[in-house]
């Protein structure tokens, strides 16, 4: 998986730039929620959210 292609997304709460959460040891495996959706952190709003690629 190429993390660079999915590294940034727009936060659905405040429309700011959010960054993909990854495993701190490998820095290449994205973190996912219990449904397997990618998780992002929005530094502007100090919150996390999941992004369902199917929707």
PDB file of N, CA and C in Angstrom:
ATOM      1  N   UNK A   1       0.845  -1.176   0.000  1.00  0.00           N
ATOM      2  CA  UNK A   1       0.000   0.000   0.000  1.00  0.00           C
ATOM      3  C   UNK A   1       0.893   1.242   0.000  1.00  0.00           C
ATOM      4  N   UNK A   2       0.611   2.175  -0.890  1.00  0.00           N
ATOM      5  CA  UNK A   2       1.364   3.412  -0.962  1.00  0.00           C
ATOM      6  C   UNK A   2       0.699   4.461  -0.068  1.00  0.00           C
ATOM      7  N   UNK A   3       1.281   4.687   1.081  1.00  0.00           N
ATOM      8  CA  UNK A   3       0.716   5.604   2.066  1.00  0.00           C
ATOM      9  C   UNK A   3       0.690   7.037   1.530  1.00  0.00           C
ATOM     10  N   UNK A   4       1.635   7.405   0.698  1.00  0.00           N
ATOM     11  CA  UNK A   4       1.692   8.772   0.172  1.00  0.00           C
ATOM     12  C   UNK A   4       0.419   9.156  -0.579  1.00  0.00           C
ATOM     13  N   UNK A   5      -0.232   8.201  -1.219  1.00  0.00           N
ATOM     14  CA  UNK A   5      -1.441   8.486  -1.997  1.00  0.00           C
ATOM     15  C   UNK A   5      -2.662   8.755  -1.119  1.00  0.00           C
ATOM     16  N   UNK A   6      -2.653   8.281   0.111  1.00  0.00           N
ATOM     17  CA  UNK A   6      -3.813   8.428   1.003  1.00  0.00           C
ATOM     18  C   UNK A   6      -3.472   9.208   2.267  1.00  0.00           C
ATOM     19  N   UNK A   7      -2.317   9.854   2.275  1.00  0.00           N
ATOM     20  CA  UNK A   7      -1.788  10.496   3.478  1.00  0.00           C
ATOM     21  C   UNK A   7      -2.660  11.633   4.011  1.00  0.00           C
ATOM     22  N   UNK A   8      -3.274  12.412   3.142  1.00  0.00           N
ATOM     23  CA  UNK A   8      -4.069  13.569   3.572  1.00  0.00           C
ATOM     24  C   UNK A   8      -5.501  13.469   3.082  1.00  0.00           C
ATOM     25  N   UNK A   9      -6.428  13.920   3.917  1.00  0.00           N
ATOM     26  CA  UNK A   9      -7.848  13.992   3.566  1.00  0.00           C
ATOM     27  C   UNK A   9      -8.421  15.262   4.192  1.00  0.00           C
ATOM     28  N   UNK A  10      -9.547  15.696   3.691  1.00  0.00           N
ATOM     29  CA  UNK A  10     -10.244  16.834   4.285  1.00  0.00           C
ATOM     30  C   UNK A  10     -11.120  16.334   5.427  1.00  0.00           C
ATOM     31  N   UNK A  11     -10.990  16.977   6.564  1.00  0.00           N
ATOM     32  CA  UNK A  11     -11.771  16.608   7.739  1.00  0.00           C
ATOM     33  C   UNK A  11     -13.246  16.918   7.496  1.00  0.00           C
ATOM     34  N   UNK A  12     -14.135  15.963   7.756  1.00  0.00           N
ATOM     35  CA  UNK A  12     -15.563  16.203   7.529  1.00  0.00           C
ATOM     36  C   UNK A  12     -16.200  17.138   8.571  1.00  0.00           C
ATOM     37  N   UNK A  13     -15.507  17.394   9.672  1.00  0.00           N
ATOM     38  CA  UNK A  13     -16.066  18.228  10.734  1.00  0.00           C
ATOM     39  C   UNK A  13     -15.767  19.713  10.548  1.00  0.00           C
ATOM     40  N   UNK A  14     -14.526  20.022  10.142  1.00  0.00           N
ATOM     41  CA  UNK A  14     -14.155  21.439  10.031  1.00  0.00           C
ATOM     42  C   UNK A  14     -13.505  21.801   8.699  1.00  0.00           C
ATOM     43  N   UNK A  15     -13.465  20.857   7.780  1.00  0.00           N
ATOM     44  CA  UNK A  15     -12.937  21.064   6.431  1.00  0.00           C
ATOM     45  C   UNK A  15     -11.452  21.424   6.409  1.00  0.00           C
ATOM     46  N   UNK A  16     -10.722  21.101   7.471  1.00  0.00           N
ATOM     47  CA  UNK A  16      -9.281  21.333   7.528  1.00  0.00           C
ATOM     48  C   UNK A  16      -8.552  20.079   7.047  1.00  0.00           C
ATOM     49  N   UNK A  17      -7.251  20.200   6.819  1.00  0.00           N
ATOM     50  CA  UNK A  17      -6.460  19.066   6.358  1.00  0.00           C
ATOM     51  C   UNK A  17      -6.184  18.109   7.515  1.00  0.00           C
ATOM     52  N   UNK A  18      -6.407  16.838   7.273  1.00  0.00           N
ATOM     53  CA  UNK A  18      -6.150  15.793   8.264  1.00  0.00           C
ATOM     54  C   UNK A  18      -5.099  14.845   7.702  1.00  0.00           C
ATOM     55  N   UNK A  19      -4.365  14.195   8.592  1.00  0.00           N
ATOM     56  CA  UNK A  19      -3.287  13.305   8.185  1.00  0.00           C
ATOM     57  C   UNK A  19      -3.583  11.879   8.648  1.00  0.00           C
ATOM     58  N   UNK A  20      -3.222  10.939   7.820  1.00  0.00           N
ATOM     59  CA  UNK A  20      -3.436   9.522   8.092  1.00  0.00           C
ATOM     60  C   UNK A  20      -2.651   9.080   9.321  1.00  0.00           C
ATOM     61  N   UNK A  21      -3.299   8.337  10.202  1.00  0.00           N
ATOM     62  CA  UNK A  21      -2.613   7.743  11.347  1.00  0.00           C
ATOM     63  C   UNK A  21      -1.956   6.448  10.894  1.00  0.00           C
ATOM     64  N   UNK A  22      -0.691   6.270  11.277  1.00  0.00           N
ATOM     65  CA  UNK A  22       0.044   5.065  10.901  1.00  0.00           C
ATOM     66  C   UNK A  22       0.689   4.445  12.129  1.00  0.00           C
ATOM     67  N   UNK A  23       1.084   3.191  11.984  1.00  0.00           N
ATOM     68  CA  UNK A  23       1.808   2.482  13.028  1.00  0.00           C
ATOM     69  C   UNK A  23       3.130   3.222  13.265  1.00  0.00           C
ATOM     70  N   UNK A  24       3.407   3.663  14.491  1.00  0.00           N
ATOM     71  CA  UNK A  24       4.627   4.436  14.743  1.00  0.00           C
ATOM     72  C   UNK A  24       5.915   3.646  14.532  1.00  0.00           C
ATOM     73  N   UNK A  25       5.869   2.332  14.632  1.00  0.00           N
ATOM     74  CA  UNK A  25       7.071   1.530  14.450  1.00  0.00           C
ATOM     75  C   UNK A  25       7.440   1.374  12.980  1.00  0.00           C
ATOM     76  N   UNK A  26       6.453   1.104  12.139  1.00  0.00           N
ATOM     77  CA  UNK A  26       6.754   0.865  10.725  1.00  0.00           C
ATOM     78  C   UNK A  26       6.568   2.108   9.866  1.00  0.00           C
ATOM     79  N   UNK A  27       5.729   3.029  10.301  1.00  0.00           N
ATOM     80  CA  UNK A  27       5.372   4.236   9.555  1.00  0.00           C
ATOM     81  C   UNK A  27       4.879   3.923   8.146  1.00  0.00           C
ATOM     82  N   UNK A  28       4.391   2.701   7.957  1.00  0.00           N
ATOM     83  CA  UNK A  28       3.891   2.335   6.631  1.00  0.00           C
ATOM     84  C   UNK A  28       2.543   1.626   6.679  1.00  0.00           C
ATOM     85  N   UNK A  29       2.157   1.124   7.846  1.00  0.00           N
ATOM     86  CA  UNK A  29       0.869   0.451   7.988  1.00  0.00           C
ATOM     87  C   UNK A  29      -0.145   1.420   8.578  1.00  0.00           C
ATOM     88  N   UNK A  30      -1.183   1.771   7.819  1.00  0.00           N
ATOM     89  CA  UNK A  30      -2.196   2.698   8.337  1.00  0.00           C
ATOM     90  C   UNK A  30      -2.978   2.097   9.499  1.00  0.00           C
ATOM     91  N   UNK A  31      -3.347   2.950  10.448  1.00  0.00           N
ATOM     92  CA  UNK A  31      -4.233   2.541  11.537  1.00  0.00           C
ATOM     93  C   UNK A  31      -5.659   2.481  11.009  1.00  0.00           C
ATOM     94  N   UNK A  32      -6.414   1.511  11.505  1.00  0.00           N
ATOM     95  CA  UNK A  32      -7.810   1.363  11.099  1.00  0.00           C
ATOM     96  C   UNK A  32      -8.693   1.229  12.332  1.00  0.00           C
ATOM     97  N   UNK A  33      -9.979   1.503  12.147  1.00  0.00           N
ATOM     98  CA  UNK A  33     -10.930   1.325  13.237  1.00  0.00           C
ATOM     99  C   UNK A  33     -11.428  -0.113  13.239  1.00  0.00           C
ATOM    100  N   UNK A  34     -12.431  -0.407  14.069  1.00  0.00           N
ATOM    101  CA  UNK A  34     -12.936  -1.778  14.195  1.00  0.00           C
ATOM    102  C   UNK A  34     -13.593  -2.289  12.915  1.00  0.00           C
ATOM    103  N   UNK A  35     -13.974  -1.376  12.013  1.00  0.00           N
ATOM    104  CA  UNK A  35     -14.573  -1.775  10.734  1.00  0.00           C
ATOM    105  C   UNK A  35     -13.542  -1.876   9.617  1.00  0.00           C
ATOM    106  N   UNK A  36     -12.283  -1.593   9.929  1.00  0.00           N
ATOM    107  CA  UNK A  36     -11.235  -1.645   8.922  1.00  0.00           C
ATOM    108  C   UNK A  36     -11.086  -0.367   8.114  1.00  0.00           C
ATOM    109  N   UNK A  37     -11.777   0.706   8.539  1.00  0.00           N
ATOM    110  CA  UNK A  37     -11.688   1.991   7.841  1.00  0.00           C
ATOM    111  C   UNK A  37     -10.447   2.756   8.302  1.00  0.00           C
ATOM    112  N   UNK A  38      -9.836   3.499   7.382  1.00  0.00           N
ATOM    113  CA  UNK A  38      -8.652   4.282   7.694  1.00  0.00           C
ATOM    114  C   UNK A  38      -8.983   5.362   8.715  1.00  0.00           C
ATOM    115  N   UNK A  39      -8.012   5.645   9.599  1.00  0.00           N
ATOM    116  CA  UNK A  39      -8.207   6.668  10.619  1.00  0.00           C
ATOM    117  C   UNK A  39      -7.282   7.851  10.347  1.00  0.00           C
ATOM    118  N   UNK A  40      -7.828   9.047  10.552  1.00  0.00           N
ATOM    119  CA  UNK A  40      -7.099  10.289  10.321  1.00  0.00           C
ATOM    120  C   UNK A  40      -7.149  11.158  11.564  1.00  0.00           C
ATOM    121  N   UNK A  41      -6.130  12.012  11.700  1.00  0.00           N
ATOM    122  CA  UNK A  41      -6.082  12.988  12.789  1.00  0.00           C
ATOM    123  C   UNK A  41      -6.122  14.388  12.193  1.00  0.00           C
ATOM    124  N   UNK A  42      -6.991  15.219  12.727  1.00  0.00           N
ATOM    125  CA  UNK A  42      -7.118  16.608  12.295  1.00  0.00           C
ATOM    126  C   UNK A  42      -6.437  17.490  13.339  1.00  0.00           C
ATOM    127  N   UNK A  43      -5.255  18.041  13.030  1.00  0.00           N
ATOM    128  CA  UNK A  43      -4.571  18.878  14.017  1.00  0.00           C
ATOM    129  C   UNK A  43      -5.298  20.189  14.320  1.00  0.00           C
ATOM    130  N   UNK A  44      -6.065  20.704  13.388  1.00  0.00           N
ATOM    131  CA  UNK A  44      -6.792  21.960  13.619  1.00  0.00           C
ATOM    132  C   UNK A  44      -7.874  21.778  14.681  1.00  0.00           C
ATOM    133  N   UNK A  45      -8.592  20.663  14.619  1.00  0.00           N
ATOM    134  CA  UNK A  45      -9.673  20.407  15.569  1.00  0.00           C
ATOM    135  C   UNK A  45      -9.296  19.472  16.689  1.00  0.00           C
ATOM    136  N   UNK A  46      -8.083  18.933  16.653  1.00  0.00           N
ATOM    137  CA  UNK A  46      -7.585  18.007  17.676  1.00  0.00           C
ATOM    138  C   UNK A  46      -8.515  16.811  17.860  1.00  0.00           C
ATOM    139  N   UNK A  47      -8.920  16.193  16.748  1.00  0.00           N
ATOM    140  CA  UNK A  47      -9.785  15.021  16.830  1.00  0.00           C
ATOM    141  C   UNK A  47      -9.412  14.018  15.739  1.00  0.00           C
ATOM    142  N   UNK A  48      -9.906  12.803  15.912  1.00  0.00           N
ATOM    143  CA  UNK A  48      -9.698  11.752  14.918  1.00  0.00           C
ATOM    144  C   UNK A  48     -11.036  11.393  14.291  1.00  0.00           C
ATOM    145  N   UNK A  49     -10.953  10.811  13.102  1.00  0.00           N
ATOM    146  CA  UNK A  49     -12.146  10.327  12.421  1.00  0.00           C
ATOM    147  C   UNK A  49     -11.750   9.189  11.502  1.00  0.00           C
ATOM    148  N   UNK A  50     -12.723   8.373  11.161  1.00  0.00           N
ATOM    149  CA  UNK A  50     -12.517   7.268  10.230  1.00  0.00           C
ATOM    150  C   UNK A  50     -13.079   7.653   8.876  1.00  0.00           C
ATOM    151  N   UNK A  51     -12.443   7.137   7.835  1.00  0.00           N
ATOM    152  CA  UNK A  51     -12.891   7.414   6.481  1.00  0.00           C
ATOM    153  C   UNK A  51     -13.266   6.100   5.826  1.00  0.00           C
ATOM    154  N   UNK A  52     -14.548   5.949   5.526  1.00  0.00           N
ATOM    155  CA  UNK A  52     -15.059   4.751   4.867  1.00  0.00           C
ATOM    156  C   UNK A  52     -14.911   4.937   3.363  1.00  0.00           C
ATOM    157  N   UNK A  53     -13.986   4.214   2.757  1.00  0.00           N
ATOM    158  CA  UNK A  53     -13.714   4.346   1.325  1.00  0.00           C
ATOM    159  C   UNK A  53     -14.876   3.881   0.461  1.00  0.00           C
ATOM    160  N   UNK A  54     -15.808   3.105   1.023  1.00  0.00           N
ATOM    161  CA  UNK A  54     -16.937   2.586   0.245  1.00  0.00           C
ATOM    162  C   UNK A  54     -18.053   3.610   0.090  1.00  0.00           C
ATOM    163  N   UNK A  55     -18.061   4.650   0.899  1.00  0.00           N
ATOM    164  CA  UNK A  55     -19.122   5.674   0.847  1.00  0.00           C
ATOM    165  C   UNK A  55     -18.650   6.910   0.134  1.00  0.00           C
TER     166      UNK A  55
END
